[in-house]
Amino acid sequence: MRPRLLFALLAAGLLLGGCSEVKPWEKGYIARPEMAFDPDPLEAGFKRHIYDSKEAASGGYGVGGGGCGCN
């Protein structure tokens, strides 16, 4: 039982070791446009509209939509 506990603690330590804060000199890399979740807001809005139309979801992103996409 002891080796399993030691292995679990070691694995948890390795996984949590990668979670560190962003250093001030690294913030320039994160601020680049290609690092954004939606680098192109126009394309993101178009994809949300398609998603809402296909899923017949209404109100998912603030607008009501129908299943046909003709709103």
N, C-alpha and C. Protein backbone atom coordinates (compact mmCIF):
# COMPACT_ATOMS: atom_id res chain seq x y z
N MET A 1 0.83 -1.20 0.00
CA MET A 1 0.00 0.00 0.00
C MET A 1 0.87 1.26 0.00
N ARG A 2 2.00 1.20 0.59
CA ARG A 2 2.89 2.35 0.70
C ARG A 2 3.41 2.82 -0.67
N PRO A 3 3.81 1.93 -1.57
CA PRO A 3 4.29 2.41 -2.88
C PRO A 3 3.22 3.13 -3.69
N ARG A 4 1.98 2.71 -3.56
CA ARG A 4 0.90 3.37 -4.29
C ARG A 4 0.69 4.79 -3.78
N LEU A 5 0.75 4.95 -2.46
CA LEU A 5 0.60 6.28 -1.88
C LEU A 5 1.75 7.19 -2.31
N LEU A 6 2.94 6.66 -2.29
CA LEU A 6 4.11 7.44 -2.72
C LEU A 6 3.99 7.82 -4.19
N PHE A 7 3.56 6.89 -5.02
CA PHE A 7 3.38 7.18 -6.45
C PHE A 7 2.29 8.24 -6.66
N ALA A 8 1.19 8.15 -5.92
CA ALA A 8 0.11 9.12 -6.05
C ALA A 8 0.57 10.51 -5.63
N LEU A 9 1.33 10.60 -4.55
CA LEU A 9 1.84 11.90 -4.11
C LEU A 9 2.83 12.47 -5.11
N LEU A 10 3.67 11.62 -5.66
CA LEU A 10 4.64 12.08 -6.66
C LEU A 10 3.93 12.56 -7.91
N ALA A 11 2.92 11.83 -8.38
CA ALA A 11 2.16 12.23 -9.56
C ALA A 11 1.43 13.55 -9.32
N ALA A 12 0.83 13.71 -8.15
CA ALA A 12 0.12 14.94 -7.82
C ALA A 12 1.10 16.12 -7.77
N GLY A 13 2.28 15.88 -7.22
CA GLY A 13 3.29 16.94 -7.16
C GLY A 13 3.74 17.36 -8.54
N LEU A 14 3.91 16.40 -9.44
CA LEU A 14 4.33 16.73 -10.80
C LEU A 14 3.24 17.48 -11.55
N LEU A 15 1.99 17.08 -11.36
CA LEU A 15 0.89 17.76 -12.05
C LEU A 15 0.70 19.18 -11.54
N LEU A 16 0.81 19.36 -10.23
CA LEU A 16 0.62 20.70 -9.67
C LEU A 16 1.85 21.58 -9.85
N GLY A 17 2.98 20.98 -10.16
CA GLY A 17 4.19 21.76 -10.38
C GLY A 17 4.10 22.61 -11.63
N GLY A 18 3.28 22.22 -12.59
CA GLY A 18 3.11 23.00 -13.81
C GLY A 18 2.18 24.18 -13.64
N CYS A 19 1.47 24.24 -12.54
CA CYS A 19 0.55 25.36 -12.28
C CYS A 19 1.31 26.45 -11.53
N SER A 20 1.81 27.39 -12.26
CA SER A 20 2.53 28.49 -11.62
C SER A 20 1.98 29.80 -12.13
N GLU A 21 2.33 30.86 -11.46
CA GLU A 21 1.82 32.16 -11.87
C GLU A 21 2.60 32.68 -13.07
N VAL A 22 1.99 33.59 -13.77
CA VAL A 22 2.62 34.19 -14.95
C VAL A 22 3.56 35.29 -14.48
N LYS A 23 4.78 35.23 -14.91
CA LYS A 23 5.77 36.24 -14.55
C LYS A 23 5.51 37.52 -15.32
N PRO A 24 5.91 38.68 -14.78
CA PRO A 24 5.65 39.96 -15.47
C PRO A 24 6.24 40.01 -16.88
N TRP A 25 7.38 39.41 -17.11
CA TRP A 25 8.00 39.47 -18.43
C TRP A 25 7.36 38.49 -19.41
N GLU A 26 6.49 37.59 -18.92
CA GLU A 26 5.79 36.65 -19.79
C GLU A 26 4.42 37.16 -20.22
N LYS A 27 3.94 38.24 -19.65
CA LYS A 27 2.59 38.73 -19.94
C LYS A 27 2.45 39.26 -21.35
N GLY A 28 3.54 39.65 -21.97
CA GLY A 28 3.49 40.11 -23.35
C GLY A 28 3.11 39.00 -24.31
N TYR A 29 3.52 37.77 -24.00
CA TYR A 29 3.17 36.63 -24.85
C TYR A 29 1.68 36.32 -24.76
N ILE A 30 1.12 36.46 -23.58
CA ILE A 30 -0.30 36.15 -23.40
C ILE A 30 -1.18 37.23 -24.02
N ALA A 31 -0.68 38.45 -24.11
CA ALA A 31 -1.47 39.55 -24.63
C ALA A 31 -1.52 39.58 -26.16
N ARG A 32 -0.81 38.70 -26.83
CA ARG A 32 -0.83 38.69 -28.29
C ARG A 32 -2.22 38.28 -28.79
N PRO A 33 -2.66 38.82 -29.93
CA PRO A 33 -4.01 38.52 -30.44
C PRO A 33 -4.23 37.03 -30.72
N GLU A 34 -3.22 36.32 -31.17
CA GLU A 34 -3.42 34.90 -31.47
C GLU A 34 -3.56 34.03 -30.23
N MET A 35 -3.32 34.60 -29.05
CA MET A 35 -3.49 33.85 -27.81
C MET A 35 -4.90 33.98 -27.25
N ALA A 36 -5.74 34.80 -27.86
CA ALA A 36 -7.11 35.00 -27.38
C ALA A 36 -7.97 33.78 -27.71
N PHE A 37 -9.01 33.58 -26.93
CA PHE A 37 -9.93 32.48 -27.20
C PHE A 37 -10.63 32.69 -28.54
N ASP A 38 -11.03 33.93 -28.80
CA ASP A 38 -11.65 34.29 -30.07
C ASP A 38 -10.82 35.40 -30.71
N PRO A 39 -9.79 35.06 -31.49
CA PRO A 39 -8.95 36.11 -32.06
C PRO A 39 -9.69 37.01 -33.03
N ASP A 40 -10.70 36.51 -33.70
CA ASP A 40 -11.46 37.32 -34.65
C ASP A 40 -12.90 37.42 -34.14
N PRO A 41 -13.30 38.56 -33.58
CA PRO A 41 -14.65 38.68 -33.02
C PRO A 41 -15.75 38.51 -34.05
N LEU A 42 -15.51 38.93 -35.30
CA LEU A 42 -16.53 38.78 -36.33
C LEU A 42 -16.78 37.30 -36.64
N GLU A 43 -15.71 36.53 -36.75
CA GLU A 43 -15.85 35.09 -37.01
C GLU A 43 -16.48 34.39 -35.81
N ALA A 44 -16.14 34.81 -34.60
CA ALA A 44 -16.73 34.21 -33.41
C ALA A 44 -18.24 34.45 -33.36
N GLY A 45 -18.66 35.66 -33.72
CA GLY A 45 -20.10 35.94 -33.76
C GLY A 45 -20.81 35.12 -34.81
N PHE A 46 -20.16 34.93 -35.96
CA PHE A 46 -20.74 34.10 -37.01
C PHE A 46 -20.88 32.65 -36.54
N LYS A 47 -19.86 32.13 -35.87
CA LYS A 47 -19.93 30.75 -35.36
C LYS A 47 -21.00 30.60 -34.30
N ARG A 48 -21.17 31.63 -33.44
CA ARG A 48 -22.24 31.57 -32.44
C ARG A 48 -23.60 31.55 -33.11
N HIS A 49 -23.76 32.33 -34.17
CA HIS A 49 -25.04 32.36 -34.89
C HIS A 49 -25.32 30.99 -35.52
N ILE A 50 -24.32 30.39 -36.14
CA ILE A 50 -24.49 29.07 -36.73
C ILE A 50 -24.83 28.04 -35.66
N TYR A 51 -24.13 28.11 -34.52
CA TYR A 51 -24.40 27.17 -33.43
C TYR A 51 -25.83 27.32 -32.93
N ASP A 52 -26.25 28.56 -32.71
CA ASP A 52 -27.62 28.80 -32.24
C ASP A 52 -28.65 28.30 -33.24
N SER A 53 -28.39 28.50 -34.53
CA SER A 53 -29.34 28.08 -35.55
C SER A 53 -29.42 26.57 -35.65
N LYS A 54 -28.28 25.91 -35.61
CA LYS A 54 -28.28 24.45 -35.76
C LYS A 54 -28.84 23.74 -34.53
N GLU A 55 -28.55 24.27 -33.35
CA GLU A 55 -29.00 23.61 -32.13
C GLU A 55 -30.39 24.06 -31.71
N ALA A 56 -30.96 25.00 -32.41
CA ALA A 56 -32.27 25.56 -32.06
C ALA A 56 -32.25 26.11 -30.65
N ALA A 57 -31.09 26.65 -30.28
CA ALA A 57 -30.94 27.21 -28.94
C ALA A 57 -31.37 28.66 -28.97
N SER A 58 -32.15 29.04 -28.00
CA SER A 58 -32.57 30.44 -27.93
C SER A 58 -32.02 31.06 -26.66
N GLY A 59 -31.39 32.18 -26.80
CA GLY A 59 -30.89 32.89 -25.64
C GLY A 59 -29.55 32.41 -25.15
N GLY A 60 -28.87 31.55 -25.87
CA GLY A 60 -27.59 31.03 -25.41
C GLY A 60 -26.51 32.10 -25.36
N TYR A 61 -26.53 33.03 -26.30
CA TYR A 61 -25.54 34.09 -26.32
C TYR A 61 -26.20 35.47 -26.32
N GLY A 62 -27.40 35.55 -25.80
CA GLY A 62 -28.06 36.84 -25.68
C GLY A 62 -29.06 37.13 -26.79
N VAL A 63 -29.18 36.29 -27.80
CA VAL A 63 -30.15 36.50 -28.84
C VAL A 63 -31.00 35.24 -29.01
N GLY A 64 -32.23 35.45 -29.37
CA GLY A 64 -33.10 34.32 -29.62
C GLY A 64 -32.87 33.78 -31.02
N GLY A 65 -33.03 32.51 -31.17
CA GLY A 65 -32.79 31.92 -32.47
C GLY A 65 -33.77 30.80 -32.74
N GLY A 66 -33.97 30.51 -34.01
CA GLY A 66 -34.83 29.40 -34.39
C GLY A 66 -34.00 28.30 -35.00
N GLY A 67 -34.62 27.23 -35.34
CA GLY A 67 -33.91 26.10 -35.91
C GLY A 67 -33.56 26.27 -37.36
N CYS A 68 -34.22 27.19 -38.06
CA CYS A 68 -33.98 27.31 -39.51
C CYS A 68 -32.87 28.26 -39.86
N GLY A 69 -32.46 29.12 -38.93
CA GLY A 69 -31.39 30.09 -39.20
C GLY A 69 -31.86 31.30 -39.96
N CYS A 70 -33.15 31.55 -40.00
CA CYS A 70 -33.67 32.68 -40.78
C CYS A 70 -34.10 33.84 -39.88
N ASN A 71 -33.44 34.02 -38.74
CA ASN A 71 -33.85 35.09 -37.84
C ASN A 71 -33.15 36.37 -38.15
